[in-house]
Amino acid sequence: MKLSQFKFKLPDNLIAQHPSENRDECRLMVLHAKDGTIEHKIFKNIIEYFDEGDVMVFNDTKVFPARLFGNKEKTGACIEVFLLRELNRENKFWDVLVEPARKIRIGNKLYFGDDDSMVAEVIDNTTSRGRTLRFLYDGPHDEFKEALFALGETPLPEYITRRAEPEDADRYQNIFAAKEGAVMAPAAGLHFSRELLKRMEIKGVERGFVTLHCGRGNFRDIDVEDLTKHRMDSEEMYVEEELVEMVNNAKDRGAKVCAVGTSTMRAISTAVCMNGHIMTYEGWTNKFIFPPHDFTVCNAMVSNFHLPLSTLLMMVAAFGGYENVMKAYEVAVKEGYKFGAYGDAMLILK
């Protein structure tokens, strides 16, 4: 497959800038992959497609407030710092992106907060935009993290052109988020309300979790036409024994196994072993899934509508079939579906 095969015209007004009023009341397109037929529903109707004993797998990573704004020493220039991951707990080293990168050199100090209470020193240049910061903070680690995150704001994707607002701290987070480490929300899970999860539980639909800490790599531009030459950034992930037993048992009895979101699908596909089963996994994955790809575990998938030329769209096309998915996206644009993390959703059934 070529990069250009995933280009389509997406009007700016179809990129959702705010979440729907209620989590489970966005629009839902249901794509039946076997024959390409499409249904139009409301998201809370998704329960109609699952029965007792079916399994839904979610990503329980938790987004932290990764976007900070500070000032450079002496000049006072405003610098945006995007926290990616903590590199060293004891020394308070963090891997970050900075903008504008050209103004930041090794040895520069950055000051955060109205009273400049948080100070960081640049100790390494890792990429054209990336830096390693050492935060100069005396105190326990938990106290430091609390103070650091208090200065941050919700790291909305760049295609959301507004600054984060207070509501985003709640809405750009899955209600089952538990394990801190993501800088991008696994957006397909944003549509699940407590009421919907309860209805699923009453119906007997089982719920399991992987943990994959979503990084910014999914949104990095692909700069090669030949997709086999693209390399994904690595993301930390965990698949535990409880989920392994749940999924493998469901497969053995012929039940549906549904991955909620592309990050969940990546984790499951990384942990796959023989006979459509999965195994426990702890480590990192840079698995890049694009058509054609043989999915041996999941036979259903929930996903948002993704932007043109994105790796997320490529994975969805791999699962639902390239022709099916690109046709469905044409329908979505025509029907005014909303795209992006705060947009509408698609359920693909095989």
Protein backbone atom coordinates (compact mmCIF):
# COMPACT_ATOMS: atom_id res chain seq x y z
CA MET A 1 0.00 0.00 0.00
CA LYS A 2 1.03 3.58 -0.69
CA LEU A 3 0.59 6.65 1.50
CA SER A 4 -1.37 8.44 -1.22
CA GLN A 5 -4.07 5.76 -1.13
CA PHE A 6 -5.18 7.12 2.25
CA LYS A 7 -5.75 10.68 1.11
CA PHE A 8 -9.29 12.04 1.04
CA LYS A 9 -10.88 15.47 1.21
CA LEU A 10 -11.96 16.32 4.76
CA PRO A 11 -13.60 19.72 5.31
CA ASP A 12 -12.26 21.52 8.39
CA ASN A 13 -15.77 21.90 9.81
CA LEU A 14 -16.02 18.09 10.16
CA ILE A 15 -13.09 17.94 12.61
CA ALA A 16 -14.75 17.99 16.03
CA GLN A 17 -13.46 20.77 18.28
CA HIS A 18 -15.60 19.85 21.30
CA PRO A 19 -16.98 16.58 22.68
CA SER A 20 -20.64 15.60 22.28
CA GLU A 21 -22.93 16.70 25.08
CA ASN A 22 -23.20 13.14 26.40
CA ARG A 23 -20.50 10.51 25.93
CA ASP A 24 -22.74 7.81 24.49
CA GLU A 25 -24.89 9.98 22.23
CA CYS A 26 -22.52 10.68 19.37
CA ARG A 27 -23.32 9.12 16.01
CA LEU A 28 -22.31 5.53 15.27
CA MET A 29 -21.71 4.08 11.83
CA VAL A 30 -21.88 0.29 11.73
CA LEU A 31 -19.87 -1.29 8.91
CA HIS A 32 -20.48 -4.96 8.10
CA ALA A 33 -17.17 -5.99 6.57
CA LYS A 34 -18.48 -9.14 4.89
CA ASP A 35 -20.70 -7.29 2.43
CA GLY A 36 -19.82 -3.62 2.97
CA THR A 37 -23.30 -2.63 4.16
CA ILE A 38 -23.59 0.39 6.45
CA GLU A 39 -26.04 1.30 9.20
CA HIS A 40 -26.44 4.64 10.97
CA LYS A 41 -27.08 4.54 14.73
CA ILE A 42 -26.51 6.42 17.99
CA PHE A 43 -23.51 5.15 19.95
CA LYS A 44 -25.47 3.79 22.92
CA ASN A 45 -27.17 1.40 20.47
CA ILE A 46 -23.86 -0.44 20.12
CA ILE A 47 -25.05 -2.87 22.78
CA GLU A 48 -27.51 -4.31 20.21
CA TYR A 49 -24.60 -5.95 18.38
CA PHE A 50 -23.19 -7.87 21.36
CA ASP A 51 -24.49 -10.82 23.33
CA GLU A 52 -23.80 -12.58 26.60
CA GLY A 53 -20.27 -14.00 26.61
CA ASP A 54 -18.89 -11.56 24.04
CA VAL A 55 -15.78 -9.64 25.13
CA MET A 56 -14.96 -5.96 24.75
CA VAL A 57 -11.32 -5.03 25.32
CA PHE A 58 -10.45 -1.47 26.37
CA ASN A 59 -7.22 0.43 26.93
CA ASP A 60 -7.06 1.62 30.56
CA THR A 61 -4.14 4.04 30.12
CA LYS A 62 -4.62 7.45 31.74
CA VAL A 63 -3.74 10.77 30.11
CA PHE A 64 -1.68 13.18 32.20
CA PRO A 65 -1.62 17.00 31.73
CA ALA A 66 1.39 16.99 29.44
CA ARG A 67 1.31 20.48 27.86
CA LEU A 68 3.10 23.24 29.80
CA PHE A 69 3.93 26.84 28.97
CA GLY A 70 7.07 28.38 30.46
CA ASN A 71 9.48 31.22 29.95
CA LYS A 72 13.11 31.13 28.92
CA GLU A 73 15.62 32.67 31.31
CA LYS A 74 16.84 36.21 30.52
CA THR A 75 14.72 36.73 27.38
CA GLY A 76 11.38 35.68 28.90
CA ALA A 77 10.39 34.07 25.58
CA CYS A 78 7.28 31.88 25.85
CA ILE A 79 8.17 28.21 25.32
CA GLU A 80 5.69 25.37 24.95
CA VAL A 81 6.91 22.16 26.57
CA PHE A 82 5.17 18.87 25.84
CA LEU A 83 6.04 16.16 28.37
CA LEU A 84 6.46 12.77 26.72
CA ARG A 85 7.73 10.47 29.46
CA GLU A 86 9.70 10.43 32.67
CA LEU A 87 13.20 9.07 31.99
CA ASN A 88 14.65 9.02 35.50
CA ARG A 89 12.53 9.32 38.63
CA GLU A 90 15.40 10.06 41.04
CA ASN A 91 16.98 12.82 38.94
CA LYS A 92 13.65 14.15 37.59
CA PHE A 93 14.71 13.75 33.94
CA TRP A 94 11.92 14.07 31.36
CA ASP A 95 11.83 13.50 27.61
CA VAL A 96 10.00 16.50 26.11
CA LEU A 97 9.21 18.35 22.91
CA VAL A 98 9.74 22.12 22.84
CA GLU A 99 8.40 24.85 20.57
CA PRO A 100 9.95 26.96 19.20
CA ALA A 101 12.85 24.51 19.25
CA ARG A 102 15.33 26.88 17.65
CA LYS A 103 15.37 29.05 20.76
CA ILE A 104 16.35 26.30 23.20
CA ARG A 105 19.93 25.15 23.77
CA ILE A 106 21.66 22.85 26.25
CA GLY A 107 22.14 24.74 29.50
CA ASN A 108 19.09 26.99 29.10
CA LYS A 109 16.75 27.25 32.07
CA LEU A 110 12.98 27.38 31.75
CA TYR A 111 10.63 28.78 34.40
CA PHE A 112 7.04 27.63 34.92
CA GLY A 113 4.15 28.98 36.98
CA ASP A 114 3.08 32.52 37.82
CA ASP A 115 5.75 32.68 40.51
CA ASP A 116 8.41 30.73 38.53
CA SER A 117 8.13 28.04 41.20
CA MET A 118 9.12 25.24 38.83
CA VAL A 119 12.50 25.41 37.11
CA ALA A 120 13.96 23.05 34.50
CA GLU A 121 17.35 22.90 32.84
CA VAL A 122 17.96 21.59 29.32
CA ILE A 123 20.60 18.85 29.55
CA ASP A 124 20.37 17.15 26.14
CA ASN A 125 19.16 17.62 22.58
CA THR A 126 17.69 14.35 21.30
CA THR A 127 15.99 15.44 18.04
CA SER A 128 15.29 18.67 16.17
CA ARG A 129 12.38 19.35 18.53
CA GLY A 130 13.11 16.96 21.38
CA ARG A 131 15.02 17.76 24.55
CA THR A 132 15.79 16.19 27.91
CA LEU A 133 14.89 18.42 30.84
CA ARG A 134 16.06 18.10 34.43
CA PHE A 135 13.56 19.62 36.81
CA LEU A 136 15.20 21.38 39.75
CA TYR A 137 12.88 20.56 42.60
CA ASP A 138 13.68 19.73 46.21
CA GLY A 139 11.08 17.47 47.72
CA PRO A 140 9.51 14.00 47.52
CA HIS A 141 8.75 12.60 44.07
CA ASP A 142 4.97 12.49 44.62
CA GLU A 143 5.00 16.13 45.66
CA PHE A 144 7.05 17.04 42.58
CA LYS A 145 4.68 15.19 40.21
CA GLU A 146 1.66 16.87 41.80
CA ALA A 147 3.27 20.32 41.43
CA LEU A 148 4.35 19.60 37.84
CA PHE A 149 0.96 18.32 36.70
CA ALA A 150 -0.78 21.25 38.39
CA LEU A 151 1.05 23.49 35.91
CA GLY A 152 0.04 21.42 32.87
CA GLU A 153 -3.04 21.33 30.73
CA THR A 154 -4.83 18.57 28.84
CA PRO A 155 -2.76 17.66 25.74
CA LEU A 156 -5.41 17.94 23.05
CA PRO A 157 -4.39 16.82 19.55
CA GLU A 158 -3.05 19.53 17.27
CA TYR A 159 -6.07 19.34 14.94
CA ILE A 160 -8.16 20.71 17.82
CA THR A 161 -7.22 24.31 17.28
CA ARG A 162 -8.39 25.77 20.60
CA ARG A 163 -6.60 25.76 23.95
CA ALA A 164 -7.69 23.16 26.48
CA GLU A 165 -10.59 24.13 28.74
CA PRO A 166 -11.53 22.81 32.20
CA GLU A 167 -14.05 20.34 30.75
CA ASP A 168 -11.31 18.66 28.74
CA ALA A 169 -9.64 17.32 31.89
CA ASP A 170 -12.68 15.04 32.26
CA ARG A 171 -13.90 14.55 28.70
CA TYR A 172 -10.49 13.80 27.14
CA GLN A 173 -10.19 10.83 29.48
CA ASN A 174 -11.90 7.44 29.52
CA ILE A 175 -14.06 6.90 32.58
CA PHE A 176 -12.17 3.64 33.25
CA ALA A 177 -8.70 5.22 32.85
CA ALA A 178 -6.47 3.90 35.63
CA LYS A 179 -2.77 3.71 34.72
CA GLU A 180 -1.05 7.01 34.11
CA GLY A 181 1.27 7.30 31.15
CA ALA A 182 -0.51 8.49 27.99
CA VAL A 183 -0.19 11.83 26.24
CA MET A 184 -2.98 10.98 23.79
CA ALA A 185 -6.33 9.55 24.84
CA PRO A 186 -7.44 6.20 23.37
CA ALA A 187 -10.35 8.06 21.84
CA ALA A 188 -12.69 5.21 20.91
CA GLY A 189 -13.25 4.60 24.62
CA LEU A 190 -14.40 8.18 25.21
CA HIS A 191 -17.92 7.24 24.04
CA PHE A 192 -18.54 4.72 26.83
CA SER A 193 -20.59 6.15 29.69
CA ARG A 194 -21.12 4.54 33.08
CA GLU A 195 -24.71 3.83 32.09
CA LEU A 196 -23.66 2.06 28.90
CA LEU A 197 -21.02 0.00 30.70
CA LYS A 198 -23.65 -1.02 33.26
CA ARG A 199 -26.08 -2.07 30.52
CA MET A 200 -23.31 -4.18 28.96
CA GLU A 201 -22.61 -5.81 32.32
CA ILE A 202 -26.30 -6.64 32.83
CA LYS A 203 -26.44 -8.18 29.34
CA GLY A 204 -23.42 -10.36 30.15
CA VAL A 205 -20.91 -8.70 27.84
CA GLU A 206 -17.49 -9.20 29.44
CA ARG A 207 -15.03 -6.33 29.85
CA GLY A 208 -11.23 -6.62 29.81
CA PHE A 209 -8.29 -4.25 29.66
CA VAL A 210 -4.91 -3.87 28.06
CA THR A 211 -2.59 -1.01 28.96
CA LEU A 212 -0.86 0.83 26.13
CA HIS A 213 0.48 4.30 26.88
CA CYS A 214 -0.44 6.25 23.75
CA GLY A 215 2.33 8.55 22.56
CA ARG A 216 2.46 11.29 19.94
CA GLY A 217 3.96 8.95 17.36
CA ASN A 218 0.53 8.00 16.02
CA PHE A 219 0.11 11.58 14.87
CA ARG A 220 3.56 12.03 13.37
CA ASP A 221 3.44 12.71 9.64
CA ILE A 222 4.47 9.82 7.41
CA ASP A 223 7.19 11.07 5.07
CA VAL A 224 7.51 8.02 2.79
CA GLU A 225 5.16 6.88 0.02
CA ASP A 226 6.05 3.20 0.53
CA LEU A 227 4.40 2.27 3.84
CA THR A 228 6.76 -0.65 4.41
CA LYS A 229 9.50 1.94 5.02
CA HIS A 230 7.66 3.82 7.80
CA ARG A 231 8.73 3.19 11.37
CA MET A 232 6.35 3.75 14.28
CA ASP A 233 7.49 5.21 17.59
CA SER A 234 7.58 2.63 20.39
CA GLU A 235 4.88 2.64 23.07
CA GLU A 236 4.91 0.87 26.42
CA MET A 237 2.24 -1.82 26.85
CA TYR A 238 1.03 -4.57 29.16
CA VAL A 239 -1.26 -7.57 28.61
CA GLU A 240 -2.00 -9.44 31.83
CA GLU A 241 -3.09 -13.01 32.50
CA GLU A 242 -6.69 -12.10 33.37
CA LEU A 243 -7.28 -10.66 29.91
CA VAL A 244 -5.43 -13.53 28.21
CA GLU A 245 -7.79 -16.08 29.77
CA MET A 246 -10.88 -13.98 28.98
CA VAL A 247 -9.98 -13.47 25.31
CA ASN A 248 -8.74 -16.99 24.66
CA ASN A 249 -11.84 -18.53 26.24
CA ALA A 250 -14.07 -16.28 24.13
CA LYS A 251 -12.22 -17.31 20.98
CA ASP A 252 -12.55 -20.98 21.85
CA ARG A 253 -16.33 -20.72 22.24
CA GLY A 254 -16.78 -18.62 19.09
CA ALA A 255 -17.83 -15.40 20.82
CA LYS A 256 -17.12 -11.90 19.59
CA VAL A 257 -13.88 -10.25 20.68
CA CYS A 258 -14.04 -6.51 20.10
CA ALA A 259 -11.05 -4.17 20.31
CA VAL A 260 -12.11 -0.71 21.42
CA GLY A 261 -9.72 1.58 19.58
CA THR A 262 -6.56 1.31 17.50
CA SER A 263 -4.27 1.27 20.54
CA THR A 264 -6.11 -1.75 21.94
CA MET A 265 -5.89 -3.48 18.56
CA ARG A 266 -2.15 -2.76 18.39
CA ALA A 267 -1.63 -4.25 21.85
CA ILE A 268 -3.66 -7.37 21.06
CA SER A 269 -1.89 -7.84 17.73
CA THR A 270 1.48 -7.51 19.47
CA ALA A 271 0.55 -10.18 22.01
CA VAL A 272 -0.87 -12.67 19.49
CA CYS A 273 0.44 -16.23 19.40
CA MET A 274 -0.81 -19.46 17.81
CA ASN A 275 -4.40 -20.36 16.89
CA GLY A 276 -5.80 -16.86 17.30
CA HIS A 277 -4.86 -16.75 20.97
CA ILE A 278 -2.92 -14.10 22.88
CA MET A 279 -0.26 -14.35 25.56
CA THR A 280 0.86 -12.13 28.41
CA TYR A 281 3.15 -9.30 27.37
CA GLU A 282 5.15 -6.61 29.13
CA GLY A 283 7.36 -4.29 27.16
CA TRP A 284 7.23 -2.03 24.11
CA THR A 285 5.61 -2.20 20.69
CA ASN A 286 6.22 -0.32 17.47
CA LYS A 287 3.90 -2.52 15.43
CA PHE A 288 2.61 -0.72 12.33
CA ILE A 289 -0.57 -2.25 10.94
CA PHE A 290 -1.73 -1.40 7.42
CA PRO A 291 -3.43 -3.39 4.63
CA PRO A 292 -3.16 -6.25 4.07
CA HIS A 293 -2.99 -7.69 7.59
CA ASP A 294 -4.35 -10.94 9.01
CA PHE A 295 -6.26 -10.34 12.25
CA THR A 296 -6.55 -13.65 14.08
CA VAL A 297 -7.97 -12.53 17.43
CA CYS A 298 -10.60 -9.80 17.06
CA ASN A 299 -13.71 -10.02 14.91
CA ALA A 300 -15.08 -6.59 15.86
CA MET A 301 -13.57 -3.15 16.35
CA VAL A 302 -14.71 0.26 17.59
CA SER A 303 -12.89 3.29 16.25
CA ASN A 304 -13.32 7.00 15.73
CA PHE A 305 -13.13 8.56 12.28
CA HIS A 306 -9.50 9.41 11.61
CA LEU A 307 -7.81 12.09 9.59
CA PRO A 308 -6.40 11.54 6.07
CA LEU A 309 -2.95 9.94 5.72
CA SER A 310 -2.93 8.82 9.38
CA THR A 311 -1.59 5.52 10.70
CA LEU A 312 -4.88 5.18 12.61
CA LEU A 313 -6.88 5.20 9.37
CA MET A 314 -4.49 2.63 7.92
CA MET A 315 -5.12 0.22 10.78
CA VAL A 316 -8.89 0.60 10.48
CA ALA A 317 -8.63 -0.03 6.74
CA ALA A 318 -6.56 -3.14 7.41
CA PHE A 319 -9.27 -4.51 9.72
CA GLY A 320 -12.39 -3.57 7.78
CA GLY A 321 -10.93 -3.92 4.29
CA TYR A 322 -9.45 -1.04 2.34
CA GLU A 323 -12.33 -0.65 -0.14
CA ASN A 324 -14.99 -1.01 2.57
CA VAL A 325 -13.44 1.55 4.89
CA MET A 326 -12.59 4.18 2.28
CA LYS A 327 -16.14 3.92 0.92
CA ALA A 328 -17.49 4.26 4.47
CA TYR A 329 -15.35 7.36 4.97
CA GLU A 330 -16.82 8.85 1.78
CA VAL A 331 -20.28 8.26 3.26
CA ALA A 332 -19.18 9.75 6.59
CA VAL A 333 -18.05 12.97 4.91
CA LYS A 334 -21.23 13.17 2.85
CA GLU A 335 -23.42 12.55 5.91
CA GLY A 336 -21.55 15.07 8.07
CA TYR A 337 -20.01 12.68 10.60
CA LYS A 338 -17.48 14.33 12.90
CA PHE A 339 -13.83 13.27 12.76
CA GLY A 340 -11.04 13.14 15.37
CA ALA A 341 -10.86 12.31 19.08
CA TYR A 342 -14.04 14.25 19.92
CA GLY A 343 -15.85 13.04 16.81
CA ASP A 344 -18.24 10.21 16.00
CA ALA A 345 -17.55 6.47 16.03
CA MET A 346 -17.55 3.43 13.78
CA LEU A 347 -18.21 -0.21 14.68
CA ILE A 348 -16.74 -2.72 12.25
CA LEU A 349 -18.16 -6.26 12.38
CA LYS A 350 -16.53 -9.14 10.51
